[in-house]
Amino acid sequence: MTLDLVRQLDYANLDTRLKRISDKMSHSLRAMYRDLDIDTEPNWYLVLWIVNEQPNVSVMEIAARLKFTHQSVITMTHKMTQKGYLLRTKDTADKRRTIFRLTKKAQDKLPLFTKIWEIGKKVTFELLNKNIEIMKHLEILESNLEHSSFGERIAEELTKNDL
C-alpha cells in the first residue's frame, strides 16, 4: 500500500490538498466536455456568467469580480475569443478598456452550460455528503489571506524566531 504524503501532512499541506482536489475536478470536467464534444474549459463558465449578466464588461471588472489576476483573465478571455465564445472590442469612451460580449455561439450554448452548472452544483453537494460546512471555513481562510498572505505570515513568524 502506498502512503499518501499529502494526507499524512494534514492541514500543514492544505494548499496542495486543495490543488489536488481542484485538479481532479477540472480534469474530469475537461474529459466530460470532450466526450460531449463541447470545446470549453471548466472555469470559463465564470466569465460566461459575468458577461451574460453584464454585457460590455471589461477585463478589470471581470478580474475584480472573480478576484483573479488581470493577466489570468486576459489569458482566459483570449482563449474564449479564439474558440468563438466572446466578442472582444475596445470601449468607445476609453480605448484602453477591452470589453466583452457573448457571441451567438455562447448564447446558443448557454442553456446547456446552465444545465451542466446546475447539475454540477447538485453533484458537488452530494460529494460533500450534503454538508457545506467547508464553505464557512473557506470563507474564513480567504478572508484571513486577504489581510495577510501565507508567505507574509510565515516570514513574520521566522522574524519572531530570529532565524
Protein backbone atom coordinates (compact mmCIF):
# COMPACT_ATOMS: atom_id res chain seq x y z
CA MET A 1 0.00 0.00 0.00
CA THR A 2 1.35 3.43 -0.97
CA LEU A 3 1.21 6.10 1.71
CA ASP A 4 -0.41 9.37 0.72
CA LEU A 5 2.06 12.01 1.87
CA VAL A 6 -0.37 14.84 1.12
CA ARG A 7 -2.93 13.35 3.51
CA GLN A 8 -0.26 12.49 6.07
CA LEU A 9 0.79 16.13 6.28
CA ASP A 10 -2.82 17.01 7.15
CA TYR A 11 -3.67 20.74 7.40
CA ALA A 12 0.01 21.71 7.08
CA ASN A 13 -0.31 20.88 3.39
CA LEU A 14 -3.70 22.46 2.76
CA ASP A 15 -2.68 24.29 -0.42
CA THR A 16 -1.54 21.08 -2.10
CA ARG A 17 -4.64 19.21 -0.94
CA LEU A 18 -6.97 21.89 -2.33
CA LYS A 19 -5.00 21.99 -5.61
CA ARG A 20 -5.17 18.21 -5.93
CA ILE A 21 -8.95 18.23 -5.42
CA SER A 22 -9.33 21.11 -7.89
CA ASP A 23 -7.20 19.29 -10.46
CA LYS A 24 -9.25 16.09 -10.12
CA MET A 25 -12.49 18.01 -10.62
CA SER A 26 -11.14 20.09 -13.53
CA HIS A 27 -9.59 17.11 -15.34
CA SER A 28 -12.83 15.13 -15.09
CA LEU A 29 -14.82 18.14 -16.36
CA ARG A 30 -12.45 18.52 -19.32
CA ALA A 31 -12.95 14.84 -20.15
CA MET A 32 -16.72 15.21 -19.85
CA TYR A 33 -16.71 18.28 -22.14
CA ARG A 34 -14.51 16.42 -24.63
CA ASP A 35 -16.89 13.40 -24.57
CA LEU A 36 -19.85 15.74 -25.17
CA ASP A 37 -17.89 17.47 -27.97
CA ILE A 38 -18.03 20.83 -26.17
CA ASP A 39 -14.96 23.00 -26.79
CA THR A 40 -14.76 24.77 -23.43
CA GLU A 41 -12.71 24.81 -20.26
CA PRO A 42 -14.10 24.22 -16.74
CA ASN A 43 -13.50 27.74 -15.43
CA TRP A 44 -14.92 29.55 -18.46
CA TYR A 45 -18.43 29.39 -17.04
CA LEU A 46 -17.45 32.11 -14.57
CA VAL A 47 -16.65 34.55 -17.36
CA LEU A 48 -19.67 33.48 -19.42
CA TRP A 49 -21.86 34.07 -16.38
CA ILE A 50 -20.47 37.57 -15.81
CA VAL A 51 -20.56 38.61 -19.48
CA ASN A 52 -24.11 37.27 -19.87
CA GLU A 53 -25.17 39.19 -16.76
CA GLN A 54 -23.29 42.35 -17.75
CA PRO A 55 -22.58 42.74 -21.49
CA ASN A 56 -19.69 45.09 -22.33
CA VAL A 57 -17.89 44.22 -19.11
CA SER A 58 -14.16 44.96 -19.01
CA VAL A 59 -11.20 42.75 -18.18
CA MET A 60 -10.64 44.72 -14.97
CA GLU A 61 -14.27 44.27 -13.90
CA ILE A 62 -14.12 40.52 -14.56
CA ALA A 63 -10.85 40.24 -12.62
CA ALA A 64 -12.31 42.20 -9.70
CA ARG A 65 -15.46 40.04 -9.54
CA LEU A 66 -13.51 36.80 -9.68
CA LYS A 67 -10.56 38.04 -7.61
CA PHE A 68 -8.32 36.67 -10.37
CA THR A 69 -5.26 38.47 -11.65
CA HIS A 70 -5.67 40.78 -14.62
CA GLN A 71 -3.27 38.58 -16.60
CA SER A 72 -5.17 35.34 -15.91
CA VAL A 73 -8.41 36.97 -17.10
CA ILE A 74 -6.67 38.23 -20.25
CA THR A 75 -5.36 34.71 -20.93
CA MET A 76 -8.75 33.12 -20.32
CA THR A 77 -10.74 35.64 -22.38
CA HIS A 78 -8.21 35.40 -25.22
CA LYS A 79 -8.79 31.63 -25.43
CA MET A 80 -12.55 32.13 -25.19
CA THR A 81 -12.41 34.65 -28.03
CA GLN A 82 -10.37 32.24 -30.16
CA LYS A 83 -12.95 29.48 -29.53
CA GLY A 84 -15.77 31.80 -30.57
CA TYR A 85 -17.45 32.38 -27.19
CA LEU A 86 -16.62 36.06 -26.69
CA LEU A 87 -16.55 39.16 -28.85
CA ARG A 88 -13.76 41.49 -27.76
CA THR A 89 -13.84 45.20 -28.60
CA LYS A 90 -12.39 48.42 -27.32
CA ASP A 91 -14.60 50.68 -25.26
CA THR A 92 -15.64 53.67 -27.42
CA ALA A 93 -15.30 56.06 -24.46
CA ASP A 94 -11.94 54.71 -23.27
CA LYS A 95 -9.84 52.92 -25.90
CA ARG A 96 -7.61 51.41 -23.18
CA ARG A 97 -10.52 49.30 -21.91
CA THR A 98 -11.20 45.95 -23.56
CA ILE A 99 -14.82 44.91 -23.21
CA PHE A 100 -16.64 41.66 -23.94
CA ARG A 101 -19.98 40.42 -25.19
CA LEU A 102 -21.21 36.88 -25.76
CA THR A 103 -21.18 35.55 -29.31
CA LYS A 104 -24.17 33.79 -30.86
CA LYS A 105 -22.33 30.50 -30.23
CA ALA A 106 -22.09 31.29 -26.49
CA GLN A 107 -25.73 32.43 -26.34
CA ASP A 108 -26.86 29.24 -28.10
CA LYS A 109 -24.85 27.04 -25.73
CA LEU A 110 -25.81 28.96 -22.59
CA PRO A 111 -28.88 26.77 -21.82
CA LEU A 112 -26.70 23.62 -21.98
CA PHE A 113 -23.97 25.25 -19.86
CA THR A 114 -26.59 26.37 -17.34
CA LYS A 115 -27.93 22.82 -17.12
CA ILE A 116 -24.39 21.45 -16.64
CA TRP A 117 -23.66 24.05 -13.92
CA GLU A 118 -26.89 23.27 -12.08
CA ILE A 119 -26.19 19.53 -12.18
CA GLY A 120 -22.59 20.27 -11.13
CA LYS A 121 -23.90 22.18 -8.11
CA LYS A 122 -26.09 19.20 -7.16
CA VAL A 123 -23.21 16.75 -7.63
CA THR A 124 -20.88 18.92 -5.54
CA PHE A 125 -23.46 18.98 -2.75
CA GLU A 126 -23.64 15.18 -2.93
CA LEU A 127 -19.82 14.88 -2.96
CA LEU A 128 -19.82 16.90 0.26
CA ASN A 129 -22.33 14.46 1.75
CA LYS A 130 -24.81 17.36 1.78
CA ASN A 131 -22.71 19.17 4.37
CA ILE A 132 -21.44 22.56 3.17
CA GLU A 133 -19.69 23.50 6.42
CA ILE A 134 -16.44 23.57 4.44
CA MET A 135 -17.66 26.76 2.73
CA LYS A 136 -17.63 28.62 6.07
CA HIS A 137 -14.05 27.51 6.63
CA LEU A 138 -13.03 28.55 3.12
CA GLU A 139 -14.60 31.99 3.74
CA ILE A 140 -12.51 32.36 6.90
CA LEU A 141 -9.37 31.19 5.11
CA GLU A 142 -9.85 33.57 2.17
CA SER A 143 -10.67 36.48 4.45
CA ASN A 144 -7.58 35.89 6.57
CA LEU A 145 -5.39 35.59 3.48
CA GLU A 146 -6.71 38.94 2.20
CA HIS A 147 -5.42 40.60 5.35
CA SER A 148 -2.01 38.95 5.27
CA SER A 149 -0.69 36.39 2.79
CA PHE A 150 0.50 32.92 3.70
CA GLY A 151 4.10 33.84 2.84
CA GLU A 152 3.92 37.08 4.85
CA ARG A 153 2.68 35.18 7.88
CA ILE A 154 5.49 32.63 7.63
CA ALA A 155 8.10 35.39 7.19
CA GLU A 156 6.69 37.18 10.25
CA GLU A 157 6.99 34.01 12.32
CA LEU A 158 10.54 33.48 11.07
CA THR A 159 11.41 37.03 12.17
CA LYS A 160 9.90 36.41 15.60
CA ASN A 161 12.05 33.33 15.97
CA ASP A 162 15.23 35.12 14.81
CA LEU A 163 16.22 32.64 12.13
